[in-house]
PDB file of N, CA and C in Angstrom:
ATOM      1  N   UNK A   1      89.849  92.402  72.612  1.00  0.00           N
ATOM      2  CA  UNK A   1      88.937  91.862  71.609  1.00  0.00           C
ATOM      3  C   UNK A   1      88.024  92.933  71.067  1.00  0.00           C
ATOM      4  N   UNK A   2      87.115  92.542  70.207  1.00  0.00           N
ATOM      5  CA  UNK A   2      86.187  93.482  69.585  1.00  0.00           C
ATOM      6  C   UNK A   2      85.310  94.207  70.607  1.00  0.00           C
ATOM      7  N   UNK A   3      84.956  93.570  71.718  1.00  0.00           N
ATOM      8  CA  UNK A   3      84.120  94.229  72.716  1.00  0.00           C
ATOM      9  C   UNK A   3      84.806  95.465  73.287  1.00  0.00           C
ATOM     10  N   UNK A   4      86.115  95.371  73.512  1.00  0.00           N
ATOM     11  CA  UNK A   4      86.843  96.502  74.089  1.00  0.00           C
ATOM     12  C   UNK A   4      86.779  97.717  73.173  1.00  0.00           C
ATOM     13  N   UNK A   5      86.866  97.486  71.877  1.00  0.00           N
ATOM     14  CA  UNK A   5      86.828  98.587  70.915  1.00  0.00           C
ATOM     15  C   UNK A   5      85.442  99.233  70.909  1.00  0.00           C
ATOM     16  N   UNK A   6      84.390  98.412  70.963  1.00  0.00           N
ATOM     17  CA  UNK A   6      83.024  98.933  70.953  1.00  0.00           C
ATOM     18  C   UNK A   6      82.745  99.822  72.155  1.00  0.00           C
ATOM     19  N   UNK A   7      83.374  99.532  73.296  1.00  0.00           N
ATOM     20  CA  UNK A   7      83.094 100.282  74.523  1.00  0.00           C
ATOM     21  C   UNK A   7      83.682 101.682  74.475  1.00  0.00           C
ATOM     22  N   UNK A   8      84.681 101.897  73.635  1.00  0.00           N
ATOM     23  CA  UNK A   8      85.268 103.228  73.539  1.00  0.00           C
ATOM     24  C   UNK A   8      86.061 103.576  74.767  1.00  0.00           C
ATOM     25  N   UNK A   9      87.364 103.737  74.618  1.00  0.00           N
ATOM     26  CA  UNK A   9      88.209 104.103  75.739  1.00  0.00           C
ATOM     27  C   UNK A   9      88.647 102.902  76.557  1.00  0.00           C
ATOM     28  N   UNK A  10      87.809 101.892  76.648  1.00  0.00           N
ATOM     29  CA  UNK A  10      88.100 100.749  77.499  1.00  0.00           C
ATOM     30  C   UNK A  10      89.208  99.859  76.948  1.00  0.00           C
ATOM     31  N   UNK A  11      89.579 100.071  75.698  1.00  0.00           N
ATOM     32  CA  UNK A  11      90.676  99.267  75.150  1.00  0.00           C
ATOM     33  C   UNK A  11      92.004  99.589  75.834  1.00  0.00           C
ATOM     34  N   UNK A  12      92.027 100.680  76.603  1.00  0.00           N
ATOM     35  CA  UNK A  12      93.245 101.056  77.315  1.00  0.00           C
ATOM     36  C   UNK A  12      93.372 100.382  78.679  1.00  0.00           C
ATOM     37  N   UNK A  13      92.377  99.589  79.057  1.00  0.00           N
ATOM     38  CA  UNK A  13      92.419  98.920  80.352  1.00  0.00           C
ATOM     39  C   UNK A  13      93.610  97.973  80.395  1.00  0.00           C
ATOM     40  N   UNK A  14      94.375  98.046  81.496  1.00  0.00           N
ATOM     41  CA  UNK A  14      95.541  97.183  81.602  1.00  0.00           C
ATOM     42  C   UNK A  14      95.115  95.732  81.678  1.00  0.00           C
ATOM     43  N   UNK A  15      96.015  94.845  81.273  1.00  0.00           N
ATOM     44  CA  UNK A  15      95.732  93.422  81.337  1.00  0.00           C
ATOM     45  C   UNK A  15      95.956  92.952  82.765  1.00  0.00           C
ATOM     46  N   UNK A  16      94.893  92.507  83.418  1.00  0.00           N
ATOM     47  CA  UNK A  16      94.985  92.036  84.789  1.00  0.00           C
ATOM     48  C   UNK A  16      95.223  90.533  84.796  1.00  0.00           C
ATOM     49  N   UNK A  17      95.880  90.032  85.839  1.00  0.00           N
ATOM     50  CA  UNK A  17      96.098  88.585  85.926  1.00  0.00           C
ATOM     51  C   UNK A  17      94.776  87.865  86.138  1.00  0.00           C
ATOM     52  N   UNK A  18      94.679  86.645  85.634  1.00  0.00           N
ATOM     53  CA  UNK A  18      93.455  85.887  85.887  1.00  0.00           C
ATOM     54  C   UNK A  18      93.527  85.334  87.311  1.00  0.00           C
ATOM     55  N   UNK A  19      92.426  85.439  88.005  1.00  0.00           N
ATOM     56  CA  UNK A  19      92.326  84.999  89.393  1.00  0.00           C
ATOM     57  C   UNK A  19      91.096  84.109  89.528  1.00  0.00           C
ATOM     58  N   UNK A  20      91.080  83.246  90.554  1.00  0.00           N
ATOM     59  CA  UNK A  20      89.882  82.420  90.756  1.00  0.00           C
ATOM     60  C   UNK A  20      88.657  83.294  91.037  1.00  0.00           C
ATOM     61  N   UNK A  21      87.495  82.799  90.708  1.00  0.00           N
ATOM     62  CA  UNK A  21      86.253  83.538  90.961  1.00  0.00           C
ATOM     63  C   UNK A  21      85.949  83.513  92.459  1.00  0.00           C
ATOM     64  N   UNK A  22      85.536  84.657  92.986  1.00  0.00           N
ATOM     65  CA  UNK A  22      85.104  84.753  94.378  1.00  0.00           C
ATOM     66  C   UNK A  22      83.611  85.046  94.362  1.00  0.00           C
ATOM     67  N   UNK A  23      82.843  84.237  95.067  1.00  0.00           N
ATOM     68  CA  UNK A  23      81.401  84.456  95.166  1.00  0.00           C
ATOM     69  C   UNK A  23      81.133  85.753  95.919  1.00  0.00           C
ATOM     70  N   UNK A  24      80.131  86.503  95.471  1.00  0.00           N
ATOM     71  CA  UNK A  24      79.721  87.725  96.163  1.00  0.00           C
ATOM     72  C   UNK A  24      78.218  87.703  96.398  1.00  0.00           C
ATOM     73  N   UNK A  25      77.827  88.084  97.609  1.00  0.00           N
ATOM     74  CA  UNK A  25      76.402  88.195  97.922  1.00  0.00           C
ATOM     75  C   UNK A  25      75.910  89.573  97.490  1.00  0.00           C
ATOM     76  N   UNK A  26      74.695  89.642  96.941  1.00  0.00           N
ATOM     77  CA  UNK A  26      74.133  90.946  96.580  1.00  0.00           C
ATOM     78  C   UNK A  26      74.035  91.855  97.807  1.00  0.00           C
ATOM     79  N   UNK A  27      74.263  93.127  97.604  1.00  0.00           N
ATOM     80  CA  UNK A  27      74.152  94.144  98.656  1.00  0.00           C
ATOM     81  C   UNK A  27      75.075  93.931  99.844  1.00  0.00           C
ATOM     82  N   UNK A  28      76.197  93.253  99.650  1.00  0.00           N
ATOM     83  CA  UNK A  28      77.140  93.051 100.753  1.00  0.00           C
ATOM     84  C   UNK A  28      78.038  94.281 100.891  1.00  0.00           C
ATOM     85  N   UNK A  29      78.962  94.454  99.970  1.00  0.00           N
ATOM     86  CA  UNK A  29      79.835  95.626  99.986  1.00  0.00           C
ATOM     87  C   UNK A  29      80.856  95.660 101.106  1.00  0.00           C
ATOM     88  N   UNK A  30      81.008  94.575 101.857  1.00  0.00           N
ATOM     89  CA  UNK A  30      81.968  94.564 102.963  1.00  0.00           C
ATOM     90  C   UNK A  30      83.392  94.877 102.504  1.00  0.00           C
ATOM     91  N   UNK A  31      83.719  94.501 101.276  1.00  0.00           N
ATOM     92  CA  UNK A  31      85.080  94.727 100.780  1.00  0.00           C
ATOM     93  C   UNK A  31      85.228  96.075 100.073  1.00  0.00           C
ATOM     94  N   UNK A  32      84.160  96.851  99.981  1.00  0.00           N
ATOM     95  CA  UNK A  32      84.184  98.105  99.221  1.00  0.00           C
ATOM     96  C   UNK A  32      84.578  99.292 100.092  1.00  0.00           C
ATOM     97  N   UNK A  33      85.810  99.251 100.588  1.00  0.00           N
ATOM     98  CA  UNK A  33      86.326 100.323 101.432  1.00  0.00           C
ATOM     99  C   UNK A  33      87.082 101.347 100.613  1.00  0.00           C
ATOM    100  N   UNK A  34      87.941 102.137 101.262  1.00  0.00           N
ATOM    101  CA  UNK A  34      88.766 103.092 100.527  1.00  0.00           C
ATOM    102  C   UNK A  34      89.684 102.328  99.568  1.00  0.00           C
ATOM    103  N   UNK A  35      89.550 102.558  98.281  1.00  0.00           N
ATOM    104  CA  UNK A  35      90.270 101.761  97.284  1.00  0.00           C
ATOM    105  C   UNK A  35      91.422 102.532  96.662  1.00  0.00           C
ATOM    106  N   UNK A  36      92.660 102.092  96.911  1.00  0.00           N
ATOM    107  CA  UNK A  36      93.801 102.703  96.242  1.00  0.00           C
ATOM    108  C   UNK A  36      93.901 102.234  94.796  1.00  0.00           C
ATOM    109  N   UNK A  37      94.459 103.071  93.940  1.00  0.00           N
ATOM    110  CA  UNK A  37      94.646 102.696  92.542  1.00  0.00           C
ATOM    111  C   UNK A  37      95.853 103.412  91.971  1.00  0.00           C
ATOM    112  N   UNK A  38      96.315 102.941  90.834  1.00  0.00           N
ATOM    113  CA  UNK A  38      97.422 103.594  90.141  1.00  0.00           C
ATOM    114  C   UNK A  38      96.878 104.726  89.281  1.00  0.00           C
ATOM    115  N   UNK A  39      97.773 105.587  88.813  1.00  0.00           N
ATOM    116  CA  UNK A  39      97.370 106.705  87.950  1.00  0.00           C
ATOM    117  C   UNK A  39      96.660 106.226  86.689  1.00  0.00           C
ATOM    118  N   UNK A  40      97.167 105.161  86.065  1.00  0.00           N
ATOM    119  CA  UNK A  40      96.541 104.680  84.828  1.00  0.00           C
ATOM    120  C   UNK A  40      95.150 104.115  85.095  1.00  0.00           C
ATOM    121  N   UNK A  41      94.967 103.459  86.236  1.00  0.00           N
ATOM    122  CA  UNK A  41      93.640 102.953  86.589  1.00  0.00           C
ATOM    123  C   UNK A  41      92.691 104.124  86.845  1.00  0.00           C
ATOM    124  N   UNK A  42      93.185 105.134  87.538  1.00  0.00           N
ATOM    125  CA  UNK A  42      92.378 106.327  87.833  1.00  0.00           C
ATOM    126  C   UNK A  42      91.888 106.958  86.529  1.00  0.00           C
ATOM    127  N   UNK A  43      92.796 107.077  85.563  1.00  0.00           N
ATOM    128  CA  UNK A  43      92.444 107.664  84.262  1.00  0.00           C
ATOM    129  C   UNK A  43      91.422 106.793  83.524  1.00  0.00           C
ATOM    130  N   UNK A  44      91.596 105.481  83.585  1.00  0.00           N
ATOM    131  CA  UNK A  44      90.654 104.559  82.945  1.00  0.00           C
ATOM    132  C   UNK A  44      89.271 104.676  83.581  1.00  0.00           C
ATOM    133  N   UNK A  45      89.242 104.763  84.910  1.00  0.00           N
ATOM    134  CA  UNK A  45      87.968 104.906  85.628  1.00  0.00           C
ATOM    135  C   UNK A  45      87.314 106.241  85.289  1.00  0.00           C
ATOM    136  N   UNK A  46      88.110 107.299  85.210  1.00  0.00           N
ATOM    137  CA  UNK A  46      87.576 108.628  84.853  1.00  0.00           C
ATOM    138  C   UNK A  46      86.900 108.577  83.483  1.00  0.00           C
ATOM    139  N   UNK A  47      87.529 107.922  82.520  1.00  0.00           N
ATOM    140  CA  UNK A  47      86.949 107.771  81.183  1.00  0.00           C
ATOM    141  C   UNK A  47      85.669 106.951  81.252  1.00  0.00           C
ATOM    142  N   UNK A  48      85.722 105.846  81.979  1.00  0.00           N
ATOM    143  CA  UNK A  48      84.580 104.943  82.103  1.00  0.00           C
ATOM    144  C   UNK A  48      83.366 105.641  82.713  1.00  0.00           C
ATOM    145  N   UNK A  49      83.578 106.391  83.800  1.00  0.00           N
ATOM    146  CA  UNK A  49      82.423 107.033  84.441  1.00  0.00           C
ATOM    147  C   UNK A  49      81.860 108.162  83.581  1.00  0.00           C
ATOM    148  N   UNK A  50      82.720 108.817  82.812  1.00  0.00           N
ATOM    149  CA  UNK A  50      82.234 109.852  81.886  1.00  0.00           C
ATOM    150  C   UNK A  50      81.407 109.216  80.777  1.00  0.00           C
ATOM    151  N   UNK A  51      81.896 108.110  80.225  1.00  0.00           N
ATOM    152  CA  UNK A  51      81.185 107.415  79.141  1.00  0.00           C
ATOM    153  C   UNK A  51      79.853 106.843  79.599  1.00  0.00           C
ATOM    154  N   UNK A  52      79.768 106.436  80.863  1.00  0.00           N
ATOM    155  CA  UNK A  52      78.572 105.762  81.372  1.00  0.00           C
ATOM    156  C   UNK A  52      77.740 106.635  82.308  1.00  0.00           C
ATOM    157  N   UNK A  53      78.073 107.934  82.370  1.00  0.00           N
ATOM    158  CA  UNK A  53      77.340 108.892  83.194  1.00  0.00           C
ATOM    159  C   UNK A  53      77.178 108.408  84.636  1.00  0.00           C
ATOM    160  N   UNK A  54      78.285 107.967  85.226  1.00  0.00           N
ATOM    161  CA  UNK A  54      78.297 107.500  86.616  1.00  0.00           C
ATOM    162  C   UNK A  54      78.868 108.612  87.484  1.00  0.00           C
ATOM    163  N   UNK A  55      78.175 108.940  88.565  1.00  0.00           N
ATOM    164  CA  UNK A  55      78.661 109.933  89.516  1.00  0.00           C
ATOM    165  C   UNK A  55      79.128 109.223  90.780  1.00  0.00           C
ATOM    166  N   UNK A  56      80.297 109.600  91.322  1.00  0.00           N
ATOM    167  CA  UNK A  56      80.697 109.034  92.609  1.00  0.00           C
ATOM    168  C   UNK A  56      79.720 109.488  93.691  1.00  0.00           C
ATOM    169  N   UNK A  57      79.513 108.651  94.681  1.00  0.00           N
ATOM    170  CA  UNK A  57      78.564 108.951  95.751  1.00  0.00           C
ATOM    171  C   UNK A  57      79.314 109.000  97.074  1.00  0.00           C
ATOM    172  N   UNK A  58      79.062 110.019  97.868  1.00  0.00           N
ATOM    173  CA  UNK A  58      79.730 110.106  99.167  1.00  0.00           C
ATOM    174  C   UNK A  58      79.084 109.124 100.130  1.00  0.00           C
ATOM    175  N   UNK A  59      79.757 107.990 100.303  1.00  0.00           N
ATOM    176  CA  UNK A  59      79.287 106.939 101.206  1.00  0.00           C
ATOM    177  C   UNK A  59      80.030 106.976 102.532  1.00  0.00           C
ATOM    178  N   UNK A  60      80.734 108.074 102.790  1.00  0.00           N
ATOM    179  CA  UNK A  60      81.550 108.176 104.004  1.00  0.00           C
ATOM    180  C   UNK A  60      82.988 107.754 103.737  1.00  0.00           C
ATOM    181  N   UNK A  61      83.826 107.948 104.737  1.00  0.00           N
ATOM    182  CA  UNK A  61      85.259 107.698 104.589  1.00  0.00           C
ATOM    183  C   UNK A  61      85.605 106.242 104.333  1.00  0.00           C
ATOM    184  N   UNK A  62      84.806 105.316 104.846  1.00  0.00           N
ATOM    185  CA  UNK A  62      85.197 103.910 104.813  1.00  0.00           C
ATOM    186  C   UNK A  62      84.486 103.081 103.740  1.00  0.00           C
ATOM    187  N   UNK A  63      83.711 103.725 102.875  1.00  0.00           N
ATOM    188  CA  UNK A  63      83.033 102.997 101.798  1.00  0.00           C
ATOM    189  C   UNK A  63      83.340 103.655 100.463  1.00  0.00           C
ATOM    190  N   UNK A  64      83.651 102.842  99.474  1.00  0.00           N
ATOM    191  CA  UNK A  64      84.006 103.326  98.143  1.00  0.00           C
ATOM    192  C   UNK A  64      82.872 104.160  97.538  1.00  0.00           C
ATOM    193  N   UNK A  65      83.221 105.260  96.885  1.00  0.00           N
ATOM    194  CA  UNK A  65      82.187 106.101  96.256  1.00  0.00           C
ATOM    195  C   UNK A  65      81.518 105.444  95.043  1.00  0.00           C
ATOM    196  N   UNK A  66      82.041 104.310  94.598  1.00  0.00           N
ATOM    197  CA  UNK A  66      81.419 103.608  93.471  1.00  0.00           C
ATOM    198  C   UNK A  66      80.647 102.371  93.908  1.00  0.00           C
ATOM    199  N   UNK A  67      80.525 102.162  95.241  1.00  0.00           N
ATOM    200  CA  UNK A  67      79.615 101.138  95.753  1.00  0.00           C
ATOM    201  C   UNK A  67      78.240 101.791  95.773  1.00  0.00           C
ATOM    202  N   UNK A  68      77.422 101.421  94.785  1.00  0.00           N
ATOM    203  CA  UNK A  68      76.130 102.085  94.582  1.00  0.00           C
ATOM    204  C   UNK A  68      75.048 101.062  94.280  1.00  0.00           C
ATOM    205  N   UNK A  69      73.926 101.218  94.942  1.00  0.00           N
ATOM    206  CA  UNK A  69      72.804 100.316  94.693  1.00  0.00           C
ATOM    207  C   UNK A  69      73.133  98.866  95.003  1.00  0.00           C
ATOM    208  N   UNK A  70      74.007  98.647  95.978  1.00  0.00           N
ATOM    209  CA  UNK A  70      74.341  97.291  96.392  1.00  0.00           C
ATOM    210  C   UNK A  70      75.324  96.575  95.487  1.00  0.00           C
ATOM    211  N   UNK A  71      75.991  97.327  94.601  1.00  0.00           N
ATOM    212  CA  UNK A  71      76.943  96.707  93.685  1.00  0.00           C
ATOM    213  C   UNK A  71      78.031  97.714  93.301  1.00  0.00           C
ATOM    214  N   UNK A  72      79.003  97.255  92.519  1.00  0.00           N
ATOM    215  CA  UNK A  72      80.083  98.131  92.073  1.00  0.00           C
ATOM    216  C   UNK A  72      79.713  98.772  90.737  1.00  0.00           C
ATOM    217  N   UNK A  73      79.664 100.102  90.716  1.00  0.00           N
ATOM    218  CA  UNK A  73      79.282 100.828  89.498  1.00  0.00           C
ATOM    219  C   UNK A  73      80.387 100.809  88.439  1.00  0.00           C
ATOM    220  N   UNK A  74      81.616 100.472  88.861  1.00  0.00           N
ATOM    221  CA  UNK A  74      82.752 100.473  87.913  1.00  0.00           C
ATOM    222  C   UNK A  74      83.394  99.090  87.823  1.00  0.00           C
ATOM    223  N   UNK A  75      82.620  98.055  88.075  1.00  0.00           N
ATOM    224  CA  UNK A  75      83.154  96.688  88.179  1.00  0.00           C
ATOM    225  C   UNK A  75      84.085  96.313  87.031  1.00  0.00           C
ATOM    226  N   UNK A  76      83.719  96.664  85.814  1.00  0.00           N
ATOM    227  CA  UNK A  76      84.521  96.278  84.640  1.00  0.00           C
ATOM    228  C   UNK A  76      85.919  96.881  84.661  1.00  0.00           C
ATOM    229  N   UNK A  77      86.067  98.031  85.308  1.00  0.00           N
ATOM    230  CA  UNK A  77      87.359  98.723  85.329  1.00  0.00           C
ATOM    231  C   UNK A  77      87.879  98.916  86.759  1.00  0.00           C
ATOM    232  N   UNK A  78      87.373  98.120  87.698  1.00  0.00           N
ATOM    233  CA  UNK A  78      87.798  98.247  89.099  1.00  0.00           C
ATOM    234  C   UNK A  78      89.306  98.051  89.212  1.00  0.00           C
ATOM    235  N   UNK A  79      89.934  98.716  90.190  1.00  0.00           N
ATOM    236  CA  UNK A  79      91.387  98.624  90.320  1.00  0.00           C
ATOM    237  C   UNK A  79      91.869  97.263  90.828  1.00  0.00           C
ATOM    238  N   UNK A  80      93.169  97.063  90.723  1.00  0.00           N
ATOM    239  CA  UNK A  80      93.786  95.802  91.109  1.00  0.00           C
ATOM    240  C   UNK A  80      93.485  95.427  92.549  1.00  0.00           C
ATOM    241  N   UNK A  81      93.485  96.401  93.468  1.00  0.00           N
ATOM    242  CA  UNK A  81      93.234  96.079  94.877  1.00  0.00           C
ATOM    243  C   UNK A  81      91.863  95.412  95.029  1.00  0.00           C
ATOM    244  N   UNK A  82      90.881  95.863  94.277  1.00  0.00           N
ATOM    245  CA  UNK A  82      89.544  95.264  94.333  1.00  0.00           C
ATOM    246  C   UNK A  82      89.569  93.847  93.759  1.00  0.00           C
ATOM    247  N   UNK A  83      90.334  93.661  92.701  1.00  0.00           N
ATOM    248  CA  UNK A  83      90.455  92.350  92.072  1.00  0.00           C
ATOM    249  C   UNK A  83      91.142  91.349  92.995  1.00  0.00           C
ATOM    250  N   UNK A  84      92.063  91.836  93.840  1.00  0.00           N
ATOM    251  CA  UNK A  84      92.789  90.948  94.757  1.00  0.00           C
ATOM    252  C   UNK A  84      91.988  90.597  96.010  1.00  0.00           C
ATOM    253  N   UNK A  85      90.925  91.358  96.279  1.00  0.00           N
ATOM    254  CA  UNK A  85      90.150  91.099  97.492  1.00  0.00           C
ATOM    255  C   UNK A  85      89.594  89.679  97.468  1.00  0.00           C
ATOM    256  N   UNK A  86      89.751  88.997  98.599  1.00  0.00           N
ATOM    257  CA  UNK A  86      89.290  87.614  98.683  1.00  0.00           C
ATOM    258  C   UNK A  86      90.313  86.612  98.184  1.00  0.00           C
ATOM    259  N   UNK A  87      91.461  87.123  97.742  1.00  0.00           N
ATOM    260  CA  UNK A  87      92.516  86.241  97.236  1.00  0.00           C
ATOM    261  C   UNK A  87      93.780  86.272  98.073  1.00  0.00           C
ATOM    262  N   UNK A  88      93.965  87.316  98.883  1.00  0.00           N
ATOM    263  CA  UNK A  88      95.196  87.456  99.663  1.00  0.00           C
ATOM    264  C   UNK A  88      94.863  87.511 101.156  1.00  0.00           C
ATOM    265  N   UNK A  89      95.832  87.070 101.963  1.00  0.00           N
ATOM    266  CA  UNK A  89      95.629  86.937 103.407  1.00  0.00           C
ATOM    267  C   UNK A  89      95.089  88.183 104.082  1.00  0.00           C
ATOM    268  N   UNK A  90      95.637  89.348 103.732  1.00  0.00           N
ATOM    269  CA  UNK A  90      95.242  90.565 104.461  1.00  0.00           C
ATOM    270  C   UNK A  90      93.915  91.136 103.964  1.00  0.00           C
ATOM    271  N   UNK A  91      93.340  90.530 102.929  1.00  0.00           N
ATOM    272  CA  UNK A  91      92.039  90.990 102.417  1.00  0.00           C
ATOM    273  C   UNK A  91      91.135  89.780 102.195  1.00  0.00           C
ATOM    274  N   UNK A  92      90.707  89.192 103.292  1.00  0.00           N
ATOM    275  CA  UNK A  92      89.835  88.020 103.211  1.00  0.00           C
ATOM    276  C   UNK A  92      88.372  88.438 103.176  1.00  0.00           C
ATOM    277  N   UNK A  93      87.577  87.641 102.484  1.00  0.00           N
ATOM    278  CA  UNK A  93      86.131  87.890 102.430  1.00  0.00           C
ATOM    279  C   UNK A  93      85.530  87.668 103.814  1.00  0.00           C
ATOM    280  N   UNK A  94      84.750  88.649 104.282  1.00  0.00           N
ATOM    281  CA  UNK A  94      84.127  88.572 105.607  1.00  0.00           C
ATOM    282  C   UNK A  94      83.075  87.469 105.677  1.00  0.00           C
ATOM    283  N   UNK A  95      82.618  87.018 104.516  1.00  0.00           N
ATOM    284  CA  UNK A  95      81.576  85.981 104.478  1.00  0.00           C
ATOM    285  C   UNK A  95      82.132  84.588 104.180  1.00  0.00           C
ATOM    286  N   UNK A  96      83.457  84.508 104.156  1.00  0.00           N
ATOM    287  CA  UNK A  96      84.080  83.199 103.995  1.00  0.00           C
ATOM    288  C   UNK A  96      84.188  82.690 102.570  1.00  0.00           C
ATOM    289  N   UNK A  97      84.055  83.567 101.585  1.00  0.00           N
ATOM    290  CA  UNK A  97      84.095  83.140 100.183  1.00  0.00           C
ATOM    291  C   UNK A  97      85.489  83.261  99.554  1.00  0.00           C
ATOM    292  N   UNK A  98      86.508  83.522 100.367  1.00  0.00           N
ATOM    293  CA  UNK A  98      87.844  83.722  99.810  1.00  0.00           C
ATOM    294  C   UNK A  98      88.300  82.544  98.947  1.00  0.00           C
ATOM    295  N   UNK A  99      89.047  82.873  97.903  1.00  0.00           N
ATOM    296  CA  UNK A  99      89.680  81.880  97.020  1.00  0.00           C
ATOM    297  C   UNK A  99      91.166  82.247  96.979  1.00  0.00           C
ATOM    298  N   UNK A 100      91.929  81.823  98.003  1.00  0.00           N
ATOM    299  CA  UNK A 100      93.300  82.304  98.170  1.00  0.00           C
ATOM    300  C   UNK A 100      94.243  81.916  97.028  1.00  0.00           C
ATOM    301  N   UNK A 101      95.159  82.836  96.748  1.00  0.00           N
ATOM    302  CA  UNK A 101      96.265  82.546  95.842  1.00  0.00           C
ATOM    303  C   UNK A 101      97.508  82.368  96.726  1.00  0.00           C
ATOM    304  N   UNK A 102      98.562  81.820  96.171  1.00  0.00           N
ATOM    305  CA  UNK A 102      99.773  81.606  96.963  1.00  0.00           C
ATOM    306  C   UNK A 102     100.467  82.941  97.225  1.00  0.00           C
ATOM    307  N   UNK A 103     101.209  83.028  98.336  1.00  0.00           N
ATOM    308  CA  UNK A 103     101.976  84.257  98.599  1.00  0.00           C
ATOM    309  C   UNK A 103     102.935  84.570  97.447  1.00  0.00           C
ATOM    310  N   UNK A 104     103.477  83.544  96.810  1.00  0.00           N
ATOM    311  CA  UNK A 104     104.380  83.770  95.682  1.00  0.00           C
ATOM    312  C   UNK A 104     103.649  84.443  94.517  1.00  0.00           C
ATOM    313  N   UNK A 105     102.449  83.944  94.218  1.00  0.00           N
ATOM    314  CA  UNK A 105     101.639  84.533  93.141  1.00  0.00           C
ATOM    315  C   UNK A 105     101.285  85.982  93.480  1.00  0.00           C
ATOM    316  N   UNK A 106     100.962  86.233  94.742  1.00  0.00           N
ATOM    317  CA  UNK A 106     100.654  87.595  95.178  1.00  0.00           C
ATOM    318  C   UNK A 106     101.863  88.511  94.972  1.00  0.00           C
ATOM    319  N   UNK A 107     103.052  88.045  95.343  1.00  0.00           N
ATOM    320  CA  UNK A 107     104.275  88.841  95.152  1.00  0.00           C
ATOM    321  C   UNK A 107     104.503  89.141  93.674  1.00  0.00           C
ATOM    322  N   UNK A 108     104.317  88.130  92.821  1.00  0.00           N
ATOM    323  CA  UNK A 108     104.489  88.322  91.372  1.00  0.00           C
ATOM    324  C   UNK A 108     103.539  89.397  90.847  1.00  0.00           C
ATOM    325  N   UNK A 109     102.294  89.326  91.271  1.00  0.00           N
ATOM    326  CA  UNK A 109     101.288  90.301  90.826  1.00  0.00           C
ATOM    327  C   UNK A 109     101.673  91.697  91.318  1.00  0.00           C
ATOM    328  N   UNK A 110     102.031  91.807  92.607  1.00  0.00           N
ATOM    329  CA  UNK A 110     102.372  93.111  93.169  1.00  0.00           C
ATOM    330  C   UNK A 110     103.616  93.711  92.522  1.00  0.00           C
ATOM    331  N   UNK A 111     104.600  92.875  92.200  1.00  0.00           N
ATOM    332  CA  UNK A 111     105.807  93.380  91.543  1.00  0.00           C
ATOM    333  C   UNK A 111     105.479  93.905  90.156  1.00  0.00           C
ATOM    334  N   UNK A 112     104.646  93.197  89.428  1.00  0.00           N
ATOM    335  CA  UNK A 112     104.289  93.625  88.079  1.00  0.00           C
ATOM    336  C   UNK A 112     103.375  94.855  88.120  1.00  0.00           C
ATOM    337  N   UNK A 113     102.537  94.902  89.121  1.00  0.00           N
ATOM    338  CA  UNK A 113     101.519  95.937  89.215  1.00  0.00           C
ATOM    339  C   UNK A 113     102.065  97.270  89.717  1.00  0.00           C
ATOM    340  N   UNK A 114     102.946  97.229  90.693  1.00  0.00           N
ATOM    341  CA  UNK A 114     103.483  98.477  91.228  1.00  0.00           C
ATOM    342  C   UNK A 114     102.671  99.016  92.396  1.00  0.00           C
ATOM    343  N   UNK A 115     102.991 100.222  92.781  1.00  0.00           N
ATOM    344  CA  UNK A 115     102.395 100.820  93.984  1.00  0.00           C
ATOM    345  C   UNK A 115     101.291 101.805  93.608  1.00  0.00           C
ATOM    346  N   UNK A 116     100.098 101.616  94.161  1.00  0.00           N
ATOM    347  CA  UNK A 116      99.015 102.589  93.906  1.00  0.00           C
ATOM    348  C   UNK A 116      99.337 103.924  94.571  1.00  0.00           C
ATOM    349  N   UNK A 117      98.975 105.016  93.898  1.00  0.00           N
ATOM    350  CA  UNK A 117      99.281 106.346  94.424  1.00  0.00           C
ATOM    351  C   UNK A 117      98.034 107.226  94.581  1.00  0.00           C
ATOM    352  N   UNK A 118      96.892 106.728  94.146  1.00  0.00           N
ATOM    353  CA  UNK A 118      95.646 107.511  94.214  1.00  0.00           C
ATOM    354  C   UNK A 118      94.614 106.754  95.040  1.00  0.00           C
ATOM    355  N   UNK A 119      93.524 107.430  95.382  1.00  0.00           N
ATOM    356  CA  UNK A 119      92.380 106.802  96.052  1.00  0.00           C
ATOM    357  C   UNK A 119      91.119 107.108  95.255  1.00  0.00           C
ATOM    358  N   UNK A 120      90.221 106.147  95.161  1.00  0.00           N
ATOM    359  CA  UNK A 120      88.968 106.395  94.436  1.00  0.00           C
ATOM    360  C   UNK A 120      88.145 107.499  95.096  1.00  0.00           C
ATOM    361  N   UNK A 121      88.352 107.738  96.384  1.00  0.00           N
ATOM    362  CA  UNK A 121      87.656 108.841  97.060  1.00  0.00           C
ATOM    363  C   UNK A 121      87.987 110.203  96.443  1.00  0.00           C
ATOM    364  N   UNK A 122      89.128 110.303  95.720  1.00  0.00           N
ATOM    365  CA  UNK A 122      89.472 111.568  95.076  1.00  0.00           C
ATOM    366  C   UNK A 122      88.427 111.978  94.041  1.00  0.00           C
ATOM    367  N   UNK A 123      87.678 111.008  93.512  1.00  0.00           N
ATOM    368  CA  UNK A 123      86.634 111.339  92.533  1.00  0.00           C
ATOM    369  C   UNK A 123      85.533 112.204  93.161  1.00  0.00           C
ATOM    370  N   UNK A 124      85.375 112.145  94.472  1.00  0.00           N
ATOM    371  CA  UNK A 124      84.357 112.967  95.132  1.00  0.00           C
ATOM    372  C   UNK A 124      84.659 114.455  94.991  1.00  0.00           C
ATOM    373  N   UNK A 125      85.940 114.809  94.913  1.00  0.00           N
ATOM    374  CA  UNK A 125      86.335 116.213  94.796  1.00  0.00           C
ATOM    375  C   UNK A 125      85.975 116.777  93.429  1.00  0.00           C
ATOM    376  N   UNK A 126      85.883 115.907  92.426  1.00  0.00           N
ATOM    377  CA  UNK A 126      85.615 116.382  91.060  1.00  0.00           C
ATOM    378  C   UNK A 126      84.181 116.105  90.628  1.00  0.00           C
ATOM    379  N   UNK A 127      83.369 115.570  91.524  1.00  0.00           N
ATOM    380  CA  UNK A 127      81.976 115.220  91.193  1.00  0.00           C
ATOM    381  C   UNK A 127      81.175 116.477  90.851  1.00  0.00           C
ATOM    382  N   UNK A 128      80.219 116.314  89.932  1.00  0.00           N
ATOM    383  CA  UNK A 128      79.391 117.438  89.500  1.00  0.00           C
ATOM    384  C   UNK A 128      77.977 117.324  90.056  1.00  0.00           C
ATOM    385  N   UNK A 129      77.837 116.743  91.253  1.00  0.00           N
ATOM    386  CA  UNK A 129      76.501 116.570  91.832  1.00  0.00           C
ATOM    387  C   UNK A 129      76.054 117.827  92.552  1.00  0.00           C
TER     388      UNK A 129
END
């Protein structure tokens, strides 16, 4: 839509499947671990953080570098794995807010989506802090 064009670069964001809403508590971040992503998602995130002057933060090995200030700094362009959190059996919300999808729906999404080959932690190597 028109909003994507105004954001600049964001019109290249892949079309993600619609999923049920999962409630999130402020400053939780329990699901913000090492996040795998595809090359195209990595490129989209790189553009997004450059446009919005976002720097990855070293939160240690087990926390995403974009979990900042109690929230996700790249929420609009977060990778598929983050979008699936709270929807699939192996990634349940620690606070009980999961909104599960069927295993069949999960398979369909994974087949269409493909295999992630990058990690968001790689952004720490290119950070200019």
